[in-house]
Amino acid sequence: MSRAVWQTVLDEVELSVSRATFLTWFKNTELVSLTENEAIVAVPNIFAKRQFEVKFDTQIRELFEKQGQKPKLVSYVVQTSAKKPVISRETTITKSDTVSTTPLPRQALGSRASTLNPRYTFESFIVGSSNDLAYSACQAVSKNIGTKYNPLFLYGGVGLGKTHLIQAVGNEIMKGSPEKSVLYISSETFVNDFLESIRFKKKGFADKYRNVDVLIVDDMQFIAGKEKTQEEFFHTFNALHQANKQIIISSDKPPRSIPTLTERLRSRFEWGMSIDIQMPDFETRCAIVEAKAAVSDIELSRDVIEYLANSIKSNIRELEGALNQLLAYCEMRGLEPDIATVEGLVGNIRYSRPQHISPKQIIDRTARHFQLSSVEICSEKRDKHIVTPRQIAMYLLRSELHLSFPKIAQELGRKDHTTAIHSVEKIERAIKLDLLIREQVAEIREKLYA
């Protein structure tokens, strides 16, 4: 009974929130018990518990009532298990083994899989609007080896979670199919192995890379310019692909933007699915800070979490580094990580990023990116080459500064704020479906924080 009730609640929630919100907070929850007096909902961690108590409680109660259930109290309890994992995002945490589910069986960790880091799992990856498409594609690949999205090519800036995700695929495959051979390498390792096989006439190079079920190559951009190595990888790629073996690649750029990459390799990288991972939005950054603090058994106040999330916006590693320094500083001095402490400390570790971005800066930067003037973007002109940049500017004002729709309309010289709502929603949809729009938004964001 309770399971059916909760499934109906989840179905309703999925229709009313974004996919990223559903995956992050609702997917791995369970209704433990339901009586007239109390409903007990199991959530995977302390920061999810707080989100439900503060943000989702009213919605949950309304959905219970919609089904004729009116418990006097709704309680949220933390319950982590291998069957109910935590949906998280990249948190390169020293203690992150505590976040993961049951460890990989020893027999699964053969010589082919030993290069995988066992703490890079889907369960320890925080899903947000910036990476939910990549996350879903990686999960699909782990369940359909060699038949769906082959090759899978993930690209994005430094510290956004590419390595975590591609290794999570390997770990998930090894957990479910320990007989599969999975090899994770960096492109630098491939280059070095190839050069050694030539220099020392070593045998077995081709067998090592072509007799695997899954080949995962990180930082593919470093293979650019190395003609002989690219030729060898071309043959390796063909051998694996023709045998329906899975190929997963990461890079800091999409295939067409990697300089001195041979055309035949570029075309093969584009055979499957190419997905970019963008800079995380504010909500995702907050979730990352909470997840990291929770692993250290520390509960941060909301103002501290938001201060950190607002201070460092473009690199998860920098964000985690700032939090690590805060926690270490407070531990050494016996202090609480309150807002005064974080303001004093983080001010010195902002990595030279701007402390504040104004609406004018966003509009000006967007205009320059499209070779327009700010006056044109704020004008009444409806030309297509102006409308799309204007909509992107509105989207960035919303995602980066969290301005209200009336304020966004005002900044762009609009009287009706429904135009801003329509523009933001349109770009949100386009980011998921249109590679060019995703890249344009990502480039503008990068320049804002450069």
Protein backbone atom coordinates (compact mmCIF):
# COMPACT_ATOMS: atom_id res chain seq x y z
CA MET A 1 0.00 0.00 0.00
CA SER A 2 2.65 2.53 1.08
CA ARG A 3 4.84 1.65 -1.90
CA ALA A 4 2.01 2.35 -4.35
CA VAL A 5 1.16 5.62 -2.60
CA TRP A 6 4.74 6.83 -2.75
CA GLN A 7 5.14 5.82 -6.38
CA THR A 8 2.09 7.91 -7.22
CA VAL A 9 3.60 10.83 -5.30
CA LEU A 10 6.85 10.47 -7.23
CA ASP A 11 5.00 10.30 -10.54
CA GLU A 12 3.22 13.56 -9.70
CA VAL A 13 6.45 15.23 -8.59
CA GLU A 14 8.27 14.21 -11.76
CA LEU A 15 5.68 16.08 -13.80
CA SER A 16 6.03 19.26 -11.76
CA VAL A 17 9.81 19.68 -11.29
CA SER A 18 12.80 19.69 -13.61
CA ARG A 19 14.50 16.41 -14.46
CA ALA A 20 17.64 17.52 -12.62
CA THR A 21 15.65 18.29 -9.44
CA PHE A 22 13.86 14.94 -9.60
CA LEU A 23 17.08 12.96 -10.09
CA THR A 24 18.90 14.87 -7.38
CA TRP A 25 16.32 14.82 -4.60
CA PHE A 26 13.44 12.42 -5.29
CA LYS A 27 14.65 9.43 -7.30
CA ASN A 28 16.27 7.53 -4.42
CA THR A 29 13.66 7.98 -1.72
CA GLU A 30 11.26 5.51 -0.13
CA LEU A 31 8.12 5.64 1.99
CA VAL A 32 9.06 3.56 5.03
CA SER A 33 5.68 3.66 6.74
CA LEU A 34 2.34 5.44 6.49
CA THR A 35 -0.26 5.72 9.27
CA GLU A 36 -2.87 8.26 10.29
CA ASN A 37 -0.37 9.75 12.71
CA GLU A 38 2.85 9.76 10.71
CA ALA A 39 4.40 9.22 7.31
CA ILE A 40 8.11 8.35 7.38
CA VAL A 41 10.07 9.04 4.19
CA ALA A 42 13.61 7.65 3.80
CA VAL A 43 16.10 9.95 2.03
CA PRO A 44 19.72 9.11 1.21
CA ASN A 45 21.62 11.77 3.17
CA ILE A 46 21.48 14.69 5.55
CA PHE A 47 21.38 17.40 2.87
CA ALA A 48 18.47 15.67 1.13
CA LYS A 49 16.71 15.54 4.51
CA ARG A 50 17.11 19.29 4.87
CA GLN A 51 15.83 19.93 1.36
CA PHE A 52 12.67 17.94 2.01
CA GLU A 53 12.04 19.61 5.37
CA VAL A 54 12.56 23.14 4.05
CA LYS A 55 11.67 23.07 0.37
CA PHE A 56 9.49 20.07 -0.49
CA ASP A 57 7.48 19.36 2.66
CA THR A 58 4.40 21.36 1.63
CA GLN A 59 4.33 19.75 -1.80
CA ILE A 60 4.64 16.24 -0.30
CA ARG A 61 1.78 16.88 2.14
CA GLU A 62 -0.45 18.17 -0.66
CA LEU A 63 0.22 15.09 -2.77
CA PHE A 64 -0.53 12.80 0.18
CA GLU A 65 -3.86 14.58 0.67
CA LYS A 66 -4.62 14.27 -3.02
CA GLN A 67 -4.58 10.51 -2.51
CA GLY A 68 -6.75 10.65 0.60
CA GLN A 69 -3.84 10.30 3.02
CA LYS A 70 -3.63 12.89 5.80
CA PRO A 71 -0.87 11.96 8.25
CA LYS A 72 -0.51 14.43 11.11
CA LEU A 73 3.27 14.37 10.80
CA VAL A 74 5.64 13.78 7.87
CA SER A 75 9.14 12.81 8.98
CA TYR A 76 12.26 12.47 6.85
CA VAL A 77 14.97 10.04 7.92
CA VAL A 78 18.39 9.30 6.47
CA GLN A 79 18.74 5.77 5.15
CA THR A 80 21.63 4.85 2.85
CA SER A 81 21.85 1.43 1.28
CA ALA A 82 23.19 -0.20 -1.86
CA LYS A 83 19.67 -0.43 -3.21
CA LYS A 84 18.85 3.20 -2.46
CA PRO A 85 21.89 5.13 -3.54
CA VAL A 86 22.60 8.80 -3.18
CA ILE A 87 22.31 10.82 -6.39
CA SER A 88 25.28 13.12 -6.21
CA ARG A 89 27.74 14.94 -8.38
CA GLU A 90 31.47 15.00 -8.58
CA THR A 91 32.86 15.42 -5.11
CA THR A 92 36.56 14.68 -5.17
CA ILE A 93 36.62 13.93 -1.46
CA THR A 94 39.35 12.22 0.46
CA LYS A 95 36.79 10.30 2.53
CA SER A 96 34.39 9.76 -0.34
CA ASP A 97 34.42 5.98 0.11
CA THR A 98 31.78 6.62 2.77
CA VAL A 99 29.46 8.06 0.14
CA SER A 100 29.72 5.13 -2.22
CA THR A 101 27.53 2.07 -2.06
CA THR A 102 28.87 -1.42 -1.45
CA PRO A 103 32.45 -1.79 -2.70
CA LEU A 104 33.18 -3.52 -5.93
CA PRO A 105 33.74 -7.25 -5.47
CA ARG A 106 37.38 -8.23 -5.50
CA GLN A 107 36.87 -10.67 -8.37
CA ALA A 108 35.54 -7.79 -10.46
CA LEU A 109 38.78 -5.89 -10.13
CA GLY A 110 40.88 -7.78 -12.62
CA SER A 111 43.92 -6.38 -14.30
CA ARG A 112 41.75 -4.60 -16.86
CA ALA A 113 39.67 -2.80 -14.23
CA SER A 114 42.42 -1.98 -11.77
CA THR A 115 42.89 1.44 -13.35
CA LEU A 116 39.38 2.51 -12.28
CA ASN A 117 39.00 4.54 -9.10
CA PRO A 118 36.30 2.72 -7.07
CA ARG A 119 35.02 5.92 -5.48
CA TYR A 120 33.93 7.34 -8.84
CA THR A 121 30.38 5.99 -8.98
CA PHE A 122 27.00 7.18 -10.17
CA GLU A 123 25.92 7.22 -6.53
CA SER A 124 28.54 9.83 -5.60
CA PHE A 125 27.78 12.16 -8.48
CA ILE A 126 25.51 15.16 -7.96
CA VAL A 127 23.17 15.62 -10.89
CA GLY A 128 22.19 19.12 -11.96
CA SER A 129 20.88 20.87 -15.04
CA SER A 130 24.46 21.30 -16.29
CA ASN A 131 25.19 17.58 -16.47
CA ASP A 132 21.91 15.61 -16.39
CA LEU A 133 22.08 14.73 -20.09
CA ALA A 134 25.63 13.38 -19.74
CA TYR A 135 24.63 11.50 -16.58
CA SER A 136 21.65 9.85 -18.31
CA ALA A 137 23.74 8.90 -21.35
CA CYS A 138 26.42 7.33 -19.15
CA GLN A 139 23.81 5.30 -17.29
CA ALA A 140 22.34 4.14 -20.61
CA VAL A 141 25.78 3.04 -21.84
CA SER A 142 26.42 1.07 -18.64
CA LYS A 143 23.26 -0.94 -19.34
CA ASN A 144 23.72 -1.25 -23.14
CA ILE A 145 27.41 -1.91 -23.70
CA GLY A 146 28.49 -1.29 -27.27
CA THR A 147 24.97 -0.83 -28.63
CA LYS A 148 23.90 2.61 -27.42
CA TYR A 149 25.90 5.81 -27.91
CA ASN A 150 29.06 4.22 -29.25
CA PRO A 151 31.33 6.05 -28.99
CA LEU A 152 30.19 8.23 -26.09
CA PHE A 153 32.16 11.50 -26.15
CA LEU A 154 31.94 13.83 -23.13
CA TYR A 155 33.57 17.25 -23.22
CA GLY A 156 33.75 20.30 -20.99
CA GLY A 157 36.05 22.50 -18.94
CA VAL A 158 38.40 21.49 -16.17
CA GLY A 159 36.90 20.23 -12.92
CA LEU A 160 33.32 19.70 -14.10
CA GLY A 161 33.06 15.93 -13.56
CA LYS A 162 34.04 14.27 -16.84
CA THR A 163 36.56 11.89 -15.26
CA HIS A 164 34.12 10.99 -12.51
CA LEU A 165 31.35 10.13 -14.97
CA ILE A 166 33.34 8.08 -17.44
CA GLN A 167 34.90 6.05 -14.63
CA ALA A 168 31.47 5.63 -13.06
CA VAL A 169 30.40 3.85 -16.25
CA GLY A 170 33.30 1.44 -15.91
CA ASN A 171 32.63 0.78 -12.24
CA GLU A 172 28.93 0.20 -12.89
CA ILE A 173 29.72 -2.27 -15.67
CA MET A 174 32.19 -4.15 -13.48
CA LYS A 175 29.68 -4.29 -10.65
CA GLY A 176 26.91 -5.71 -12.82
CA SER A 177 29.05 -7.77 -15.22
CA PRO A 178 32.34 -8.74 -13.53
CA GLU A 179 33.25 -10.95 -16.47
CA LYS A 180 33.58 -7.85 -18.68
CA SER A 181 37.04 -6.39 -19.25
CA VAL A 182 37.16 -2.62 -18.72
CA LEU A 183 40.24 -0.52 -19.37
CA TYR A 184 40.48 3.12 -18.27
CA ILE A 185 43.49 5.15 -19.43
CA SER A 186 44.48 8.73 -20.12
CA SER A 187 45.43 9.60 -23.69
CA GLU A 188 48.93 10.27 -22.34
CA THR A 189 49.15 6.64 -21.21
CA PHE A 190 48.12 5.47 -24.68
CA VAL A 191 50.80 7.69 -26.24
CA ASN A 192 53.50 6.44 -23.88
CA ASP A 193 52.53 2.79 -24.34
CA PHE A 194 52.61 3.20 -28.11
CA LEU A 195 56.03 4.90 -28.09
CA GLU A 196 57.46 2.22 -25.80
CA SER A 197 56.13 -0.55 -28.04
CA ILE A 198 58.00 1.03 -30.96
CA ARG A 199 61.16 2.02 -29.12
CA PHE A 200 61.67 -1.29 -27.29
CA LYS A 201 59.86 -3.48 -29.84
CA LYS A 202 57.44 -4.57 -27.13
CA LYS A 203 54.74 -7.02 -28.11
CA GLY A 204 51.18 -7.06 -26.91
CA PHE A 205 50.30 -3.39 -27.41
CA ALA A 206 47.46 -4.08 -29.84
CA ASP A 207 46.12 -6.96 -27.75
CA LYS A 208 46.04 -4.82 -24.62
CA TYR A 209 43.78 -2.19 -26.19
CA ARG A 210 41.75 -4.24 -28.65
CA ASN A 211 40.84 -7.24 -26.51
CA VAL A 212 38.66 -5.35 -24.05
CA ASP A 213 34.91 -4.96 -23.79
CA VAL A 214 35.07 -1.31 -22.75
CA LEU A 215 37.83 1.20 -23.51
CA ILE A 216 37.65 4.50 -21.61
CA VAL A 217 40.08 7.24 -22.66
CA ASP A 218 40.40 10.46 -20.66
CA ASP A 219 41.69 13.83 -21.94
CA MET A 220 41.69 12.87 -25.61
CA GLN A 221 42.79 16.40 -26.58
CA PHE A 222 46.39 15.47 -25.75
CA ILE A 223 46.54 13.04 -28.66
CA ALA A 224 46.18 15.94 -31.10
CA GLY A 225 49.23 16.63 -33.24
CA LYS A 226 50.72 13.16 -32.76
CA GLU A 227 50.17 11.68 -36.21
CA LYS A 228 51.52 8.15 -35.66
CA THR A 229 49.67 7.81 -32.37
CA GLN A 230 46.45 9.04 -33.95
CA GLU A 231 46.85 6.46 -36.71
CA GLU A 232 47.26 3.69 -34.14
CA PHE A 233 44.26 4.87 -32.17
CA PHE A 234 42.27 5.01 -35.40
CA HIS A 235 42.92 1.30 -35.98
CA THR A 236 42.18 0.51 -32.33
CA PHE A 237 38.91 2.41 -32.55
CA ASN A 238 37.89 0.57 -35.72
CA ALA A 239 38.69 -2.84 -34.26
CA LEU A 240 36.65 -2.20 -31.13
CA HIS A 241 33.73 -0.54 -32.89
CA GLN A 242 33.39 -3.29 -35.48
CA ALA A 243 33.32 -5.85 -32.65
CA ASN A 244 30.56 -3.85 -30.89
CA LYS A 245 32.85 -3.02 -27.98
CA GLN A 246 32.12 0.16 -26.05
CA ILE A 247 34.33 3.23 -26.48
CA ILE A 248 34.05 6.19 -24.05
CA ILE A 249 36.09 9.35 -24.50
CA SER A 250 36.47 12.63 -22.64
CA SER A 251 38.04 15.87 -23.79
CA ASP A 252 38.06 19.56 -22.96
CA LYS A 253 36.66 20.34 -26.43
CA PRO A 254 34.19 18.77 -28.87
CA PRO A 255 35.79 16.67 -31.65
CA ARG A 256 35.52 19.37 -34.29
CA SER A 257 37.33 21.89 -32.05
CA ILE A 258 40.37 19.75 -31.17
CA PRO A 259 43.27 21.27 -33.15
CA THR A 260 45.37 19.04 -35.43
CA LEU A 261 43.05 16.07 -34.95
CA THR A 262 42.93 14.03 -38.14
CA GLU A 263 39.66 14.24 -40.04
CA ARG A 264 39.06 10.50 -40.03
CA LEU A 265 39.39 10.34 -36.23
CA ARG A 266 37.19 13.40 -35.83
CA SER A 267 34.47 11.82 -37.95
CA ARG A 268 34.59 8.60 -35.93
CA PHE A 269 34.35 10.47 -32.63
CA GLU A 270 31.17 12.01 -33.97
CA TRP A 271 29.62 8.67 -34.94
CA GLY A 272 28.00 8.17 -31.57
CA MET A 273 26.91 10.85 -29.12
CA SER A 274 28.82 13.98 -28.10
CA ILE A 275 27.64 15.73 -24.93
CA ASP A 276 29.07 18.73 -23.16
CA ILE A 277 29.17 19.20 -19.40
CA GLN A 278 28.65 22.81 -18.50
CA MET A 279 29.46 24.85 -15.44
CA PRO A 280 27.11 23.89 -12.59
CA ASP A 281 24.21 26.16 -11.72
CA PHE A 282 23.67 27.68 -8.30
CA GLU A 283 21.44 24.87 -6.99
CA THR A 284 23.95 22.21 -8.03
CA ARG A 285 26.85 24.09 -6.44
CA CYS A 286 24.91 24.29 -3.20
CA ALA A 287 24.23 20.54 -3.34
CA ILE A 288 27.95 19.88 -3.91
CA VAL A 289 28.93 21.95 -0.87
CA GLU A 290 26.34 20.17 1.29
CA ALA A 291 27.44 16.75 0.06
CA LYS A 292 31.09 17.45 0.74
CA ALA A 293 30.38 18.82 4.22
CA ALA A 294 28.08 15.86 5.02
CA VAL A 295 30.88 13.39 4.25
CA SER A 296 32.93 15.17 6.92
CA ASP A 297 29.93 14.95 9.31
CA ILE A 298 29.54 18.73 9.31
CA GLU A 299 26.24 20.51 8.80
CA LEU A 300 26.69 23.97 7.33
CA SER A 301 24.19 26.79 7.66
CA ARG A 302 22.36 27.85 4.53
CA ASP A 303 24.09 31.24 4.37
CA VAL A 304 27.54 29.59 4.45
CA ILE A 305 26.55 27.15 1.71
CA GLU A 306 25.20 29.91 -0.50
CA TYR A 307 28.20 32.15 0.12
CA LEU A 308 30.57 29.42 -1.07
CA ALA A 309 28.35 28.57 -4.04
CA ASN A 310 28.21 32.23 -5.08
CA SER A 311 31.93 32.80 -4.59
CA ILE A 312 33.26 30.09 -6.90
CA LYS A 313 31.09 29.33 -9.89
CA SER A 314 33.08 27.80 -12.71
CA ASN A 315 35.13 24.92 -11.30
CA ILE A 316 34.01 22.18 -8.91
CA ARG A 317 37.55 21.43 -7.81
CA GLU A 318 38.06 25.04 -6.78
CA LEU A 319 34.76 25.01 -4.92
CA GLU A 320 35.72 21.85 -3.05
CA GLY A 321 39.17 23.25 -2.39
CA ALA A 322 37.65 26.36 -0.81
CA LEU A 323 35.40 24.21 1.38
CA ASN A 324 38.34 22.00 2.40
CA GLN A 325 40.32 25.04 3.47
CA LEU A 326 37.36 26.37 5.44
CA LEU A 327 36.82 23.07 7.27
CA ALA A 328 40.53 22.62 7.98
CA TYR A 329 40.86 26.19 9.24
CA CYS A 330 37.88 25.79 11.57
CA GLU A 331 39.08 22.42 12.87
CA MET A 332 42.56 23.69 13.69
CA ARG A 333 41.21 26.71 15.55
CA GLY A 334 38.17 25.10 17.13
CA LEU A 335 35.79 27.43 15.29
CA GLU A 336 32.35 26.94 13.83
CA PRO A 337 32.17 27.43 10.05
CA ASP A 338 29.87 30.45 10.32
CA ILE A 339 29.33 33.21 7.78
CA ALA A 340 31.89 35.56 9.36
CA THR A 341 34.62 32.92 9.16
CA VAL A 342 33.83 31.93 5.58
CA GLU A 343 33.72 35.56 4.44
CA GLY A 344 37.13 36.24 5.94
CA LEU A 345 38.72 33.06 4.59
CA VAL A 346 37.17 32.68 1.16
CA GLY A 347 37.98 36.29 0.34
CA ASN A 348 41.62 35.17 0.16
CA ILE A 349 41.03 32.08 -2.00
CA ARG A 350 38.79 33.31 -4.76
CA TYR A 351 41.32 32.41 -7.43
CA SER A 352 41.19 35.94 -8.84
CA ARG A 353 37.61 35.51 -10.03
CA PRO A 354 35.34 38.57 -9.97
CA GLN A 355 33.42 38.97 -6.73
CA HIS A 356 30.36 40.42 -8.41
CA ILE A 357 28.97 40.31 -11.91
CA SER A 358 26.49 42.96 -12.89
CA PRO A 359 23.58 42.64 -15.33
CA LYS A 360 25.38 45.10 -17.59
CA GLN A 361 28.47 42.87 -17.73
CA ILE A 362 26.36 39.89 -18.78
CA ILE A 363 24.57 41.87 -21.48
CA ASP A 364 27.81 43.43 -22.75
CA ARG A 365 29.64 40.08 -22.81
CA THR A 366 26.77 38.37 -24.64
CA ALA A 367 26.62 41.19 -27.19
CA ARG A 368 30.38 41.02 -27.86
CA HIS A 369 30.22 37.25 -28.28
CA PHE A 370 27.70 37.66 -31.10
CA GLN A 371 29.43 40.75 -32.52
CA LEU A 372 26.52 42.98 -31.59
CA SER A 373 26.22 46.12 -29.50
CA SER A 374 24.44 46.22 -26.16
CA VAL A 375 22.07 48.77 -27.69
CA GLU A 376 21.01 46.23 -30.33
CA ILE A 377 20.34 43.51 -27.78
CA CYS A 378 18.20 45.88 -25.71
CA SER A 379 16.37 47.25 -28.74
CA GLU A 380 12.95 46.30 -30.09
CA LYS A 381 14.47 44.66 -33.18
CA ARG A 382 13.14 41.16 -33.91
CA ASP A 383 15.86 40.01 -36.33
CA LYS A 384 16.84 36.40 -35.66
CA HIS A 385 20.53 37.24 -35.25
CA ILE A 386 19.52 39.58 -32.40
CA VAL A 387 16.63 37.67 -30.83
CA THR A 388 18.66 34.57 -29.90
CA PRO A 389 21.51 36.53 -28.23
CA ARG A 390 18.86 38.55 -26.37
CA GLN A 391 17.25 35.33 -25.10
CA ILE A 392 20.65 33.96 -24.05
CA ALA A 393 21.33 37.19 -22.14
CA MET A 394 18.00 36.78 -20.34
CA TYR A 395 18.85 33.16 -19.53
CA LEU A 396 22.24 34.15 -18.08
CA LEU A 397 20.70 36.95 -16.00
CA ARG A 398 18.41 34.33 -14.50
CA SER A 399 20.94 31.49 -14.06
CA GLU A 400 23.92 33.56 -12.88
CA LEU A 401 22.32 36.42 -10.93
CA HIS A 402 18.93 34.83 -10.06
CA LEU A 403 17.13 38.01 -11.09
CA SER A 404 13.33 38.04 -11.07
CA PHE A 405 11.62 37.94 -14.45
CA PRO A 406 10.34 41.54 -14.13
CA LYS A 407 13.91 42.66 -13.34
CA ILE A 408 15.28 40.73 -16.33
CA ALA A 409 12.69 42.34 -18.60
CA GLN A 410 13.63 45.74 -17.24
CA GLU A 411 17.37 45.18 -17.84
CA LEU A 412 16.66 44.29 -21.50
CA GLY A 413 14.26 47.20 -22.03
CA ARG A 414 11.10 45.09 -22.01
CA LYS A 415 7.82 46.10 -20.40
CA ASP A 416 6.25 42.64 -20.26
CA HIS A 417 8.07 40.11 -18.07
CA THR A 418 6.37 37.17 -19.83
CA THR A 419 8.89 37.74 -22.64
CA ALA A 420 11.65 37.01 -20.14
CA ILE A 421 9.89 33.86 -18.93
CA HIS A 422 9.48 32.61 -22.50
CA SER A 423 13.12 33.41 -23.37
CA VAL A 424 14.60 31.67 -20.32
CA GLU A 425 12.46 28.57 -20.84
CA LYS A 426 13.35 28.47 -24.54
CA ILE A 427 17.10 28.58 -23.86
CA GLU A 428 16.78 25.98 -21.09
CA ARG A 429 15.19 23.62 -23.63
CA ALA A 430 17.67 24.54 -26.36
CA ILE A 431 20.66 23.81 -24.11
CA LYS A 432 19.52 20.19 -23.86
CA LEU A 433 18.85 19.75 -27.58
CA ASP A 434 21.03 22.18 -29.52
CA LEU A 435 24.80 21.67 -29.38
CA LEU A 436 25.54 25.12 -30.80
CA ILE A 437 23.44 26.91 -28.16
CA ARG A 438 25.08 24.86 -25.38
CA GLU A 439 28.53 25.81 -26.62
CA GLN A 440 27.62 29.49 -26.98
CA VAL A 441 26.23 29.68 -23.44
CA ALA A 442 29.25 27.82 -22.05
CA GLU A 443 31.72 30.13 -23.84
CA ILE A 444 29.99 33.27 -22.59
CA ARG A 445 29.92 31.91 -19.02
CA GLU A 446 33.61 31.04 -19.21
CA LYS A 447 34.49 34.56 -20.36
CA LEU A 448 32.39 36.07 -17.56
CA TYR A 449 34.54 34.33 -14.94
CA ALA A 450 37.86 34.43 -16.78
